Every structure is written in C-alpha cells, then in structure tokens.
C-alpha cells in the first residue's frame, strides 16, 4: 500500500500543504496517522476528491411576470 506525506499529497491534489494539514487536524478530510506522523493513503486521496465533487448547476427556468391589467 502506498502512503503519501502531506507535501506529496498536496502536490497530487494541487492544494497547499497548509490547507491539507489544517483540514486533517480538524478531521474534516480522511487521513492516516502513524504515531504522530500524518500520512495519506490512496483511498484517503480518492475520498478527498470525491467529497469535493460538485454536480452541474442547472439554472431555474425564467418565467415572465407580466401584469394582467
């Protein structure tokens, strides 16, 4: 199993290492600790990407608001 340091994981995810460390410390994103050493497994990275996925925004239909007077 491959695990990544915070610097390696940040580079792969194209985010700052400080952002990644803050989110991991707050337990907002999945991560793995070996003692006091923070690491990210391939499953952790995949879950972070999935959690950030957003669907397309569909615009509401435009309706005419004409006065009937």
PDB file of N, CA and C in Angstrom:
ATOM      1  N   UNK A   1       0.846  -1.178   0.000  1.00  0.00           N
ATOM      2  CA  UNK A   1       0.000   0.000   0.000  1.00  0.00           C
ATOM      3  C   UNK A   1       0.891   1.240   0.000  1.00  0.00           C
ATOM      4  N   UNK A   2       0.561   2.170  -0.841  1.00  0.00           N
ATOM      5  CA  UNK A   2       1.320   3.418  -0.945  1.00  0.00           C
ATOM      6  C   UNK A   2       0.699   4.456  -0.034  1.00  0.00           C
ATOM      7  N   UNK A   3       1.528   5.145   0.729  1.00  0.00           N
ATOM      8  CA  UNK A   3       1.075   6.278   1.532  1.00  0.00           C
ATOM      9  C   UNK A   3       1.917   7.491   1.160  1.00  0.00           C
ATOM     10  N   UNK A   4       1.327   8.662   1.323  1.00  0.00           N
ATOM     11  CA  UNK A   4       1.957   9.905   0.908  1.00  0.00           C
ATOM     12  C   UNK A   4       2.135  10.842   2.093  1.00  0.00           C
ATOM     13  N   UNK A   5       3.227  11.580   2.094  1.00  0.00           N
ATOM     14  CA  UNK A   5       3.436  12.626   3.087  1.00  0.00           C
ATOM     15  C   UNK A   5       2.471  13.766   2.767  1.00  0.00           C
ATOM     16  N   UNK A   6       2.255  14.679   3.696  1.00  0.00           N
ATOM     17  CA  UNK A   6       1.392  15.824   3.387  1.00  0.00           C
ATOM     18  C   UNK A   6       1.889  16.622   2.176  1.00  0.00           C
ATOM     19  N   UNK A   7       3.197  16.777   2.028  1.00  0.00           N
ATOM     20  CA  UNK A   7       3.738  17.515   0.883  1.00  0.00           C
ATOM     21  C   UNK A   7       3.432  16.787  -0.423  1.00  0.00           C
ATOM     22  N   UNK A   8       3.604  15.482  -0.442  1.00  0.00           N
ATOM     23  CA  UNK A   8       3.320  14.694  -1.652  1.00  0.00           C
ATOM     24  C   UNK A   8       1.830  14.726  -1.981  1.00  0.00           C
ATOM     25  N   UNK A   9       1.001  14.551  -0.954  1.00  0.00           N
ATOM     26  CA  UNK A   9      -0.449  14.546  -1.164  1.00  0.00           C
ATOM     27  C   UNK A   9      -0.929  15.906  -1.661  1.00  0.00           C
ATOM     28  N   UNK A  10      -0.405  16.974  -1.081  1.00  0.00           N
ATOM     29  CA  UNK A  10      -0.790  18.321  -1.512  1.00  0.00           C
ATOM     30  C   UNK A  10      -0.416  18.546  -2.963  1.00  0.00           C
ATOM     31  N   UNK A  11       0.748  18.084  -3.349  1.00  0.00           N
ATOM     32  CA  UNK A  11       1.198  18.230  -4.739  1.00  0.00           C
ATOM     33  C   UNK A  11       0.262  17.458  -5.683  1.00  0.00           C
ATOM     34  N   UNK A  12      -0.114  16.239  -5.299  1.00  0.00           N
ATOM     35  CA  UNK A  12      -1.015  15.438  -6.131  1.00  0.00           C
ATOM     36  C   UNK A  12      -2.405  16.071  -6.250  1.00  0.00           C
ATOM     37  N   UNK A  13      -2.897  16.618  -5.137  1.00  0.00           N
ATOM     38  CA  UNK A  13      -4.233  17.217  -5.122  1.00  0.00           C
ATOM     39  C   UNK A  13      -4.243  18.655  -5.633  1.00  0.00           C
ATOM     40  N   UNK A  14      -3.045  19.218  -5.812  1.00  0.00           N
ATOM     41  CA  UNK A  14      -2.901  20.606  -6.261  1.00  0.00           C
ATOM     42  C   UNK A  14      -3.546  21.585  -5.279  1.00  0.00           C
ATOM     43  N   UNK A  15      -3.259  21.368  -4.004  1.00  0.00           N
ATOM     44  CA  UNK A  15      -3.681  22.270  -2.930  1.00  0.00           C
ATOM     45  C   UNK A  15      -2.447  22.595  -2.104  1.00  0.00           C
ATOM     46  N   UNK A  16      -2.557  23.590  -1.245  1.00  0.00           N
ATOM     47  CA  UNK A  16      -1.407  23.922  -0.410  1.00  0.00           C
ATOM     48  C   UNK A  16      -1.274  22.894   0.715  1.00  0.00           C
ATOM     49  N   UNK A  17      -0.057  22.666   1.111  1.00  0.00           N
ATOM     50  CA  UNK A  17       0.187  21.722   2.201  1.00  0.00           C
ATOM     51  C   UNK A  17      -0.462  22.218   3.491  1.00  0.00           C
ATOM     52  N   UNK A  18      -0.450  23.531   3.728  1.00  0.00           N
ATOM     53  CA  UNK A  18      -1.057  24.065   4.955  1.00  0.00           C
ATOM     54  C   UNK A  18      -2.564  23.809   4.977  1.00  0.00           C
ATOM     55  N   UNK A  19      -3.232  23.937   3.824  1.00  0.00           N
ATOM     56  CA  UNK A  19      -4.670  23.659   3.763  1.00  0.00           C
ATOM     57  C   UNK A  19      -4.933  22.198   4.118  1.00  0.00           C
ATOM     58  N   UNK A  20      -4.121  21.326   3.534  1.00  0.00           N
ATOM     59  CA  UNK A  20      -4.289  19.890   3.763  1.00  0.00           C
ATOM     60  C   UNK A  20      -4.070  19.547   5.232  1.00  0.00           C
ATOM     61  N   UNK A  21      -3.027  20.106   5.832  1.00  0.00           N
ATOM     62  CA  UNK A  21      -2.732  19.836   7.246  1.00  0.00           C
ATOM     63  C   UNK A  21      -3.839  20.366   8.165  1.00  0.00           C
ATOM     64  N   UNK A  22      -4.356  21.564   7.868  1.00  0.00           N
ATOM     65  CA  UNK A  22      -5.436  22.139   8.687  1.00  0.00           C
ATOM     66  C   UNK A  22      -6.693  21.276   8.634  1.00  0.00           C
ATOM     67  N   UNK A  23      -7.056  20.847   7.428  1.00  0.00           N
ATOM     68  CA  UNK A  23      -8.256  20.016   7.273  1.00  0.00           C
ATOM     69  C   UNK A  23      -8.075  18.660   7.958  1.00  0.00           C
ATOM     70  N   UNK A  24      -6.881  18.094   7.867  1.00  0.00           N
ATOM     71  CA  UNK A  24      -6.613  16.807   8.512  1.00  0.00           C
ATOM     72  C   UNK A  24      -6.646  16.961  10.037  1.00  0.00           C
ATOM     73  N   UNK A  25      -6.059  18.031  10.553  1.00  0.00           N
ATOM     74  CA  UNK A  25      -6.037  18.258  12.003  1.00  0.00           C
ATOM     75  C   UNK A  25      -7.451  18.449  12.548  1.00  0.00           C
ATOM     76  N   UNK A  26      -8.312  19.062  11.750  1.00  0.00           N
ATOM     77  CA  UNK A  26      -9.706  19.283  12.157  1.00  0.00           C
ATOM     78  C   UNK A  26     -10.564  18.052  11.899  1.00  0.00           C
ATOM     79  N   UNK A  27      -9.977  17.003  11.318  1.00  0.00           N
ATOM     80  CA  UNK A  27     -10.664  15.754  10.971  1.00  0.00           C
ATOM     81  C   UNK A  27     -11.802  15.986   9.975  1.00  0.00           C
ATOM     82  N   UNK A  28     -11.593  16.950   9.072  1.00  0.00           N
ATOM     83  CA  UNK A  28     -12.579  17.256   8.041  1.00  0.00           C
ATOM     84  C   UNK A  28     -12.359  16.371   6.819  1.00  0.00           C
ATOM     85  N   UNK A  29     -11.140  15.925   6.616  1.00  0.00           N
ATOM     86  CA  UNK A  29     -10.806  15.051   5.496  1.00  0.00           C
ATOM     87  C   UNK A  29     -10.185  13.767   6.035  1.00  0.00           C
ATOM     88  N   UNK A  30     -10.302  12.684   5.297  1.00  0.00           N
ATOM     89  CA  UNK A  30      -9.703  11.433   5.762  1.00  0.00           C
ATOM     90  C   UNK A  30      -8.177  11.488   5.705  1.00  0.00           C
ATOM     91  N   UNK A  31      -7.567  10.901   6.709  1.00  0.00           N
ATOM     92  CA  UNK A  31      -6.107  10.854   6.768  1.00  0.00           C
ATOM     93  C   UNK A  31      -5.708   9.677   7.652  1.00  0.00           C
ATOM     94  N   UNK A  32      -4.425   9.403   7.697  1.00  0.00           N
ATOM     95  CA  UNK A  32      -3.910   8.287   8.472  1.00  0.00           C
ATOM     96  C   UNK A  32      -2.761   8.794   9.335  1.00  0.00           C
ATOM     97  N   UNK A  33      -2.739   8.398  10.596  1.00  0.00           N
ATOM     98  CA  UNK A  33      -1.632   8.751  11.474  1.00  0.00           C
ATOM     99  C   UNK A  33      -0.861   7.489  11.830  1.00  0.00           C
ATOM    100  N   UNK A  34       0.437   7.571  11.677  1.00  0.00           N
ATOM    101  CA  UNK A  34       1.350   6.541  12.168  1.00  0.00           C
ATOM    102  C   UNK A  34       2.071   7.196  13.332  1.00  0.00           C
ATOM    103  N   UNK A  35       1.572   6.924  14.540  1.00  0.00           N
ATOM    104  CA  UNK A  35       2.103   7.664  15.687  1.00  0.00           C
ATOM    105  C   UNK A  35       1.722   9.118  15.511  1.00  0.00           C
ATOM    106  N   UNK A  36       2.706  10.002  15.474  1.00  0.00           N
ATOM    107  CA  UNK A  36       2.420  11.422  15.272  1.00  0.00           C
ATOM    108  C   UNK A  36       2.615  11.854  13.821  1.00  0.00           C
ATOM    109  N   UNK A  37       2.922  10.911  12.945  1.00  0.00           N
ATOM    110  CA  UNK A  37       3.202  11.229  11.550  1.00  0.00           C
ATOM    111  C   UNK A  37       1.939  11.153  10.705  1.00  0.00           C
ATOM    112  N   UNK A  38       1.606  12.253  10.074  1.00  0.00           N
ATOM    113  CA  UNK A  38       0.431  12.354   9.220  1.00  0.00           C
ATOM    114  C   UNK A  38       0.771  11.813   7.839  1.00  0.00           C
ATOM    115  N   UNK A  39      -0.079  10.935   7.340  1.00  0.00           N
ATOM    116  CA  UNK A  39       0.087  10.375   6.004  1.00  0.00           C
ATOM    117  C   UNK A  39      -1.285  10.253   5.351  1.00  0.00           C
ATOM    118  N   UNK A  40      -1.268  10.108   4.041  1.00  0.00           N
ATOM    119  CA  UNK A  40      -2.496   9.964   3.274  1.00  0.00           C
ATOM    120  C   UNK A  40      -2.373   8.730   2.391  1.00  0.00           C
ATOM    121  N   UNK A  41      -3.328   7.823   2.509  1.00  0.00           N
ATOM    122  CA  UNK A  41      -3.336   6.639   1.652  1.00  0.00           C
ATOM    123  C   UNK A  41      -3.983   7.009   0.320  1.00  0.00           C
ATOM    124  N   UNK A  42      -3.873   6.114  -0.641  1.00  0.00           N
ATOM    125  CA  UNK A  42      -4.534   6.351  -1.921  1.00  0.00           C
ATOM    126  C   UNK A  42      -6.049   6.420  -1.739  1.00  0.00           C
ATOM    127  N   UNK A  43      -6.583   5.626  -0.817  1.00  0.00           N
ATOM    128  CA  UNK A  43      -8.021   5.688  -0.519  1.00  0.00           C
ATOM    129  C   UNK A  43      -8.393   7.034   0.093  1.00  0.00           C
ATOM    130  N   UNK A  44      -7.530   7.557   0.978  1.00  0.00           N
ATOM    131  CA  UNK A  44      -7.780   8.882   1.573  1.00  0.00           C
ATOM    132  C   UNK A  44      -7.860   9.941   0.480  1.00  0.00           C
ATOM    133  N   UNK A  45      -6.898   9.925  -0.439  1.00  0.00           N
ATOM    134  CA  UNK A  45      -6.866  10.924  -1.515  1.00  0.00           C
ATOM    135  C   UNK A  45      -8.102  10.800  -2.407  1.00  0.00           C
ATOM    136  N   UNK A  46      -8.492   9.580  -2.727  1.00  0.00           N
ATOM    137  CA  UNK A  46      -9.685   9.375  -3.559  1.00  0.00           C
ATOM    138  C   UNK A  46     -10.935   9.901  -2.856  1.00  0.00           C
ATOM    139  N   UNK A  47     -11.027   9.682  -1.555  1.00  0.00           N
ATOM    140  CA  UNK A  47     -12.186  10.160  -0.792  1.00  0.00           C
ATOM    141  C   UNK A  47     -12.215  11.687  -0.737  1.00  0.00           C
ATOM    142  N   UNK A  48     -11.054  12.319  -0.627  1.00  0.00           N
ATOM    143  CA  UNK A  48     -10.983  13.781  -0.618  1.00  0.00           C
ATOM    144  C   UNK A  48     -11.482  14.329  -1.953  1.00  0.00           C
ATOM    145  N   UNK A  49     -11.074  13.713  -3.036  1.00  0.00           N
ATOM    146  CA  UNK A  49     -11.510  14.150  -4.360  1.00  0.00           C
ATOM    147  C   UNK A  49     -13.016  13.950  -4.508  1.00  0.00           C
ATOM    148  N   UNK A  50     -13.516  12.779  -4.107  1.00  0.00           N
ATOM    149  CA  UNK A  50     -14.968  12.517  -4.206  1.00  0.00           C
ATOM    150  C   UNK A  50     -15.766  13.515  -3.378  1.00  0.00           C
ATOM    151  N   UNK A  51     -15.287  13.836  -2.186  1.00  0.00           N
ATOM    152  CA  UNK A  51     -16.011  14.761  -1.305  1.00  0.00           C
ATOM    153  C   UNK A  51     -16.071  16.169  -1.900  1.00  0.00           C
ATOM    154  N   UNK A  52     -15.088  16.509  -2.712  1.00  0.00           N
ATOM    155  CA  UNK A  52     -15.068  17.833  -3.317  1.00  0.00           C
ATOM    156  C   UNK A  52     -15.824  17.931  -4.622  1.00  0.00           C
ATOM    157  N   UNK A  53     -16.307  16.803  -5.128  1.00  0.00           N
ATOM    158  CA  UNK A  53     -17.004  16.804  -6.418  1.00  0.00           C
ATOM    159  C   UNK A  53     -18.328  17.550  -6.301  1.00  0.00           C
ATOM    160  N   UNK A  54     -18.611  18.355  -7.292  1.00  0.00           N
ATOM    161  CA  UNK A  54     -19.867  19.102  -7.342  1.00  0.00           C
ATOM    162  C   UNK A  54     -20.539  18.824  -8.671  1.00  0.00           C
ATOM    163  N   UNK A  55     -21.828  18.662  -8.631  1.00  0.00           N
ATOM    164  CA  UNK A  55     -22.586  18.437  -9.860  1.00  0.00           C
ATOM    165  C   UNK A  55     -22.794  19.741 -10.599  1.00  0.00           C
ATOM    166  N   UNK A  56     -23.310  19.658 -11.817  1.00  0.00           N
ATOM    167  CA  UNK A  56     -23.552  20.877 -12.593  1.00  0.00           C
ATOM    168  C   UNK A  56     -24.677  21.699 -11.980  1.00  0.00           C
ATOM    169  N   UNK A  57     -24.583  22.985 -12.167  1.00  0.00           N
ATOM    170  CA  UNK A  57     -25.627  23.886 -11.698  1.00  0.00           C
ATOM    171  C   UNK A  57     -26.631  24.040 -12.827  1.00  0.00           C
ATOM    172  N   UNK A  58     -27.869  23.764 -12.515  1.00  0.00           N
ATOM    173  CA  UNK A  58     -28.932  23.881 -13.510  1.00  0.00           C
ATOM    174  C   UNK A  58     -29.713  25.144 -13.204  1.00  0.00           C
ATOM    175  N   UNK A  59     -29.773  26.032 -14.187  1.00  0.00           N
ATOM    176  CA  UNK A  59     -30.477  27.295 -13.996  1.00  0.00           C
ATOM    177  C   UNK A  59     -31.978  27.050 -13.931  1.00  0.00           C
ATOM    178  N   UNK A  60     -32.628  27.789 -13.068  1.00  0.00           N
ATOM    179  CA  UNK A  60     -34.081  27.696 -12.956  1.00  0.00           C
ATOM    180  C   UNK A  60     -34.699  28.311 -14.202  1.00  0.00           C
ATOM    181  N   UNK A  61     -35.832  27.771 -14.639  1.00  0.00           N
ATOM    182  CA  UNK A  61     -36.479  28.337 -15.826  1.00  0.00           C
ATOM    183  C   UNK A  61     -36.915  29.777 -15.567  1.00  0.00           C
ATOM    184  N   UNK A  62     -36.750  30.609 -16.563  1.00  0.00           N
ATOM    185  CA  UNK A  62     -37.137  32.012 -16.445  1.00  0.00           C
ATOM    186  C   UNK A  62     -38.619  32.113 -16.759  1.00  0.00           C
ATOM    187  N   UNK A  63     -39.363  32.728 -15.854  1.00  0.00           N
ATOM    188  CA  UNK A  63     -40.801  32.909 -16.089  1.00  0.00           C
ATOM    189  C   UNK A  63     -41.084  34.383 -16.282  1.00  0.00           C
ATOM    190  N   UNK A  64     -42.031  34.658 -17.106  1.00  0.00           N
ATOM    191  CA  UNK A  64     -42.424  36.035 -17.395  1.00  0.00           C
ATOM    192  C   UNK A  64     -43.363  36.512 -16.304  1.00  0.00           C
ATOM    193  N   UNK A  65     -43.150  37.700 -15.806  1.00  0.00           N
ATOM    194  CA  UNK A  65     -44.018  38.266 -14.765  1.00  0.00           C
ATOM    195  C   UNK A  65     -44.739  39.488 -15.340  1.00  0.00           C
ATOM    196  N   UNK A  66     -45.659  39.247 -16.221  1.00  0.00           N
ATOM    197  CA  UNK A  66     -46.405  40.344 -16.833  1.00  0.00           C
ATOM    198  C   UNK A  66     -47.611  40.693 -15.988  1.00  0.00           C
ATOM    199  N   UNK A  67     -47.883  41.943 -15.952  1.00  0.00           N
ATOM    200  CA  UNK A  67     -49.065  42.415 -15.236  1.00  0.00           C
ATOM    201  C   UNK A  67     -50.295  42.145 -16.103  1.00  0.00           C
ATOM    202  N   UNK A  68     -51.383  41.717 -15.501  1.00  0.00           N
ATOM    203  CA  UNK A  68     -52.588  41.400 -16.252  1.00  0.00           C
ATOM    204  C   UNK A  68     -53.613  42.511 -16.161  1.00  0.00           C
ATOM    205  N   UNK A  69     -53.197  43.757 -16.118  1.00  0.00           N
ATOM    206  CA  UNK A  69     -54.151  44.874 -16.049  1.00  0.00           C
ATOM    207  C   UNK A  69     -54.438  45.470 -17.369  1.00  0.00           C
TER     208      UNK A  69
END
